[in-house]
Amino acid sequence: MIAVPNIRLVSAASLLALWVGAAALVAAVVAPAAFAVLPTRALAGALVGRVLPTVFVAGIVVGLGAALLAWGGGPFARARIALPLVAAGACLVAQFVITPRIHRLRAEIGPSIEALAATDPRRVQFGRLHGISVAWMGAGMLAAGVALVLTVLAARKVSS
């Protein structure tokens, strides 16, 4: 049976592990597969664009949940609060700041970014926004991953 103090740690670790795994699956498998098998980059982008909001909103919820679960103290408590909040913040920025800009630009460009010259300012801006979105997701994954490791270490410390 799990000791009561460990329930919070196990719950936080489970949430973090599920989200990091889902985000890694989307980044490492779903997105590359969509661009590899769908007939156009526009379709692949549309597919990935439908999946990412779920990942980002889940990251916000998981980050806040993991931070709340860490609020009770224990080993590495400050980092176990701060890092999930960083992950939630990164997902929040990606979803509610960067993604709307990408959508506005896509609407302005039309169905095919590839039809634009590589030097077209809109295509350059799209590439920049895409890179920023990837960076925010990566930052969220990194923060959540470190929080996960610290949560597992805290659970081991408490149980020993």
Protein backbone atom coordinates (compact mmCIF):
# COMPACT_ATOMS: atom_id res chain seq x y z
CA MET A 1 0.00 0.00 0.00
CA ILE A 2 1.21 3.53 -0.78
CA ALA A 3 1.87 5.73 2.22
CA VAL A 4 -0.35 8.85 2.40
CA PRO A 5 2.50 11.35 1.79
CA ASN A 6 3.43 9.40 -1.32
CA ILE A 7 -0.04 9.63 -2.88
CA ARG A 8 0.58 13.26 -3.77
CA LEU A 9 4.01 12.43 -5.18
CA VAL A 10 2.78 9.42 -7.15
CA SER A 11 -0.15 11.45 -8.50
CA ALA A 12 2.11 14.32 -9.56
CA ALA A 13 4.63 11.94 -11.13
CA SER A 14 1.87 10.15 -13.02
CA LEU A 15 0.43 13.40 -14.38
CA LEU A 16 3.83 14.68 -15.43
CA ALA A 17 4.86 11.38 -17.01
CA LEU A 18 1.63 11.13 -18.99
CA TRP A 19 1.93 14.68 -20.32
CA VAL A 20 5.64 14.46 -21.15
CA GLY A 21 4.98 11.16 -22.92
CA ALA A 22 2.06 12.60 -24.89
CA ALA A 23 3.99 15.71 -25.86
CA ALA A 24 7.01 13.63 -26.89
CA LEU A 25 4.78 11.33 -28.95
CA VAL A 26 3.28 14.29 -30.80
CA ALA A 27 6.67 15.95 -31.36
CA ALA A 28 8.64 12.83 -32.27
CA VAL A 29 6.05 10.64 -34.00
CA VAL A 30 2.76 12.32 -34.94
CA ALA A 31 4.12 15.52 -36.49
CA PRO A 32 6.92 13.87 -38.51
CA ALA A 33 4.55 11.10 -39.65
CA ALA A 34 1.92 13.61 -40.77
CA PHE A 35 4.46 15.50 -42.87
CA ALA A 36 5.84 12.23 -44.27
CA VAL A 37 2.59 10.59 -45.39
CA LEU A 38 0.02 13.28 -46.11
CA PRO A 39 -0.05 14.55 -49.70
CA THR A 40 0.57 18.22 -48.84
CA ARG A 41 2.37 20.12 -46.13
CA ALA A 42 -0.81 22.16 -45.67
CA LEU A 43 -2.78 19.03 -44.73
CA ALA A 44 -0.04 17.86 -42.40
CA GLY A 45 0.09 21.28 -40.78
CA ALA A 46 -3.69 21.25 -40.37
CA LEU A 47 -3.53 17.84 -38.67
CA VAL A 48 -0.75 18.82 -36.30
CA GLY A 49 -2.48 22.14 -35.70
CA ARG A 50 -5.55 20.24 -34.47
CA VAL A 51 -3.51 18.06 -32.10
CA LEU A 52 -1.28 20.70 -30.51
CA PRO A 53 -4.02 22.67 -28.69
CA THR A 54 -4.93 19.51 -26.78
CA VAL A 55 -1.30 19.00 -25.83
CA PHE A 56 -0.89 22.63 -24.78
CA VAL A 57 -4.10 22.82 -22.74
CA ALA A 58 -3.29 19.48 -21.10
CA GLY A 59 0.18 20.87 -20.29
CA ILE A 60 -1.41 23.85 -18.55
CA VAL A 61 -3.76 21.62 -16.52
CA VAL A 62 -1.04 19.08 -15.66
CA GLY A 63 1.46 21.79 -14.72
CA LEU A 64 -1.01 23.47 -12.40
CA GLY A 65 -2.08 20.13 -10.94
CA ALA A 66 1.48 18.97 -10.31
CA ALA A 67 2.35 22.31 -8.70
CA LEU A 68 -0.69 22.07 -6.42
CA LEU A 69 0.22 18.51 -5.45
CA ALA A 70 3.74 19.69 -4.54
CA TRP A 71 2.40 22.54 -2.42
CA GLY A 72 2.34 20.30 0.66
CA GLY A 73 6.12 20.42 0.95
CA GLY A 74 8.54 17.55 1.03
CA PRO A 75 11.86 17.06 -0.73
CA PHE A 76 12.60 19.52 -3.56
CA ALA A 77 9.22 21.22 -2.91
CA ARG A 78 10.14 24.62 -4.34
CA ALA A 79 11.44 23.13 -7.58
CA ARG A 80 8.49 20.71 -7.75
CA ILE A 81 6.19 23.74 -7.57
CA ALA A 82 8.16 26.07 -9.83
CA LEU A 83 9.00 23.69 -12.68
CA PRO A 84 5.42 22.55 -13.38
CA LEU A 85 4.38 26.22 -13.30
CA VAL A 86 7.09 26.93 -15.88
CA ALA A 87 5.74 24.08 -18.00
CA ALA A 88 2.19 25.41 -17.68
CA GLY A 89 3.38 28.92 -18.55
CA ALA A 90 5.23 27.68 -21.62
CA CYS A 91 2.13 25.85 -22.83
CA LEU A 92 0.00 28.91 -22.11
CA VAL A 93 2.26 31.17 -24.18
CA ALA A 94 2.44 28.64 -27.02
CA GLN A 95 -1.34 28.14 -27.13
CA PHE A 96 -2.68 31.61 -26.40
CA VAL A 97 0.04 33.93 -27.71
CA ILE A 98 1.95 32.17 -30.51
CA THR A 99 -0.76 29.91 -31.97
CA PRO A 100 -3.22 32.78 -32.66
CA ARG A 101 -0.47 34.64 -34.50
CA ILE A 102 0.23 31.56 -36.59
CA HIS A 103 -3.47 31.19 -37.39
CA ARG A 104 -3.78 34.85 -38.44
CA LEU A 105 -0.73 34.55 -40.67
CA ARG A 106 -1.97 31.28 -42.22
CA ALA A 107 -5.31 32.94 -43.00
CA GLU A 108 -3.47 35.82 -44.67
CA ILE A 109 -1.18 33.53 -46.66
CA GLY A 110 -3.84 31.13 -47.87
CA PRO A 111 -3.70 27.38 -48.39
CA SER A 112 -0.06 26.98 -49.42
CA ILE A 113 2.92 28.48 -47.67
CA GLU A 114 5.15 26.62 -50.16
CA ALA A 115 3.74 28.78 -52.97
CA LEU A 116 5.48 31.78 -51.42
CA ALA A 117 9.09 32.56 -52.21
CA ALA A 118 11.49 31.52 -49.48
CA THR A 119 12.32 35.20 -48.95
CA ASP A 120 8.69 36.34 -48.69
CA PRO A 121 8.34 38.15 -45.35
CA ARG A 122 5.16 36.19 -44.51
CA ARG A 123 6.90 32.86 -45.08
CA VAL A 124 9.88 34.02 -43.03
CA GLN A 125 7.54 35.18 -40.25
CA PHE A 126 5.68 31.85 -40.34
CA GLY A 127 8.97 29.97 -39.98
CA ARG A 128 9.97 32.20 -37.09
CA LEU A 129 6.63 31.71 -35.29
CA HIS A 130 6.79 27.97 -35.87
CA GLY A 131 10.27 27.88 -34.34
CA ILE A 132 9.11 29.93 -31.35
CA SER A 133 6.16 27.57 -30.83
CA VAL A 134 8.47 24.55 -30.93
CA ALA A 135 10.81 26.26 -28.46
CA TRP A 136 7.96 26.95 -26.01
CA MET A 137 6.80 23.34 -26.24
CA GLY A 138 10.36 22.14 -25.72
CA ALA A 139 10.77 24.40 -22.70
CA GLY A 140 7.54 23.04 -21.25
CA MET A 141 8.62 19.46 -21.85
CA LEU A 142 12.03 20.10 -20.30
CA ALA A 143 10.56 21.76 -17.21
CA ALA A 144 7.98 18.99 -16.79
CA GLY A 145 10.65 16.32 -17.33
CA VAL A 146 12.91 17.78 -14.65
CA ALA A 147 9.90 18.14 -12.34
CA LEU A 148 9.10 14.47 -12.99
CA VAL A 149 12.63 13.38 -12.06
CA LEU A 150 12.58 15.49 -8.89
CA THR A 151 9.14 14.11 -7.97
CA VAL A 152 10.33 10.52 -8.38
CA LEU A 153 13.43 11.30 -6.30
CA ALA A 154 11.25 12.92 -3.63
CA ALA A 155 8.99 9.84 -3.54
CA ARG A 156 11.99 7.57 -3.11
CA LYS A 157 13.36 9.81 -0.38
CA VAL A 158 10.06 9.87 1.51
CA SER A 159 9.56 6.09 1.24
CA SER A 160 13.04 5.24 2.51
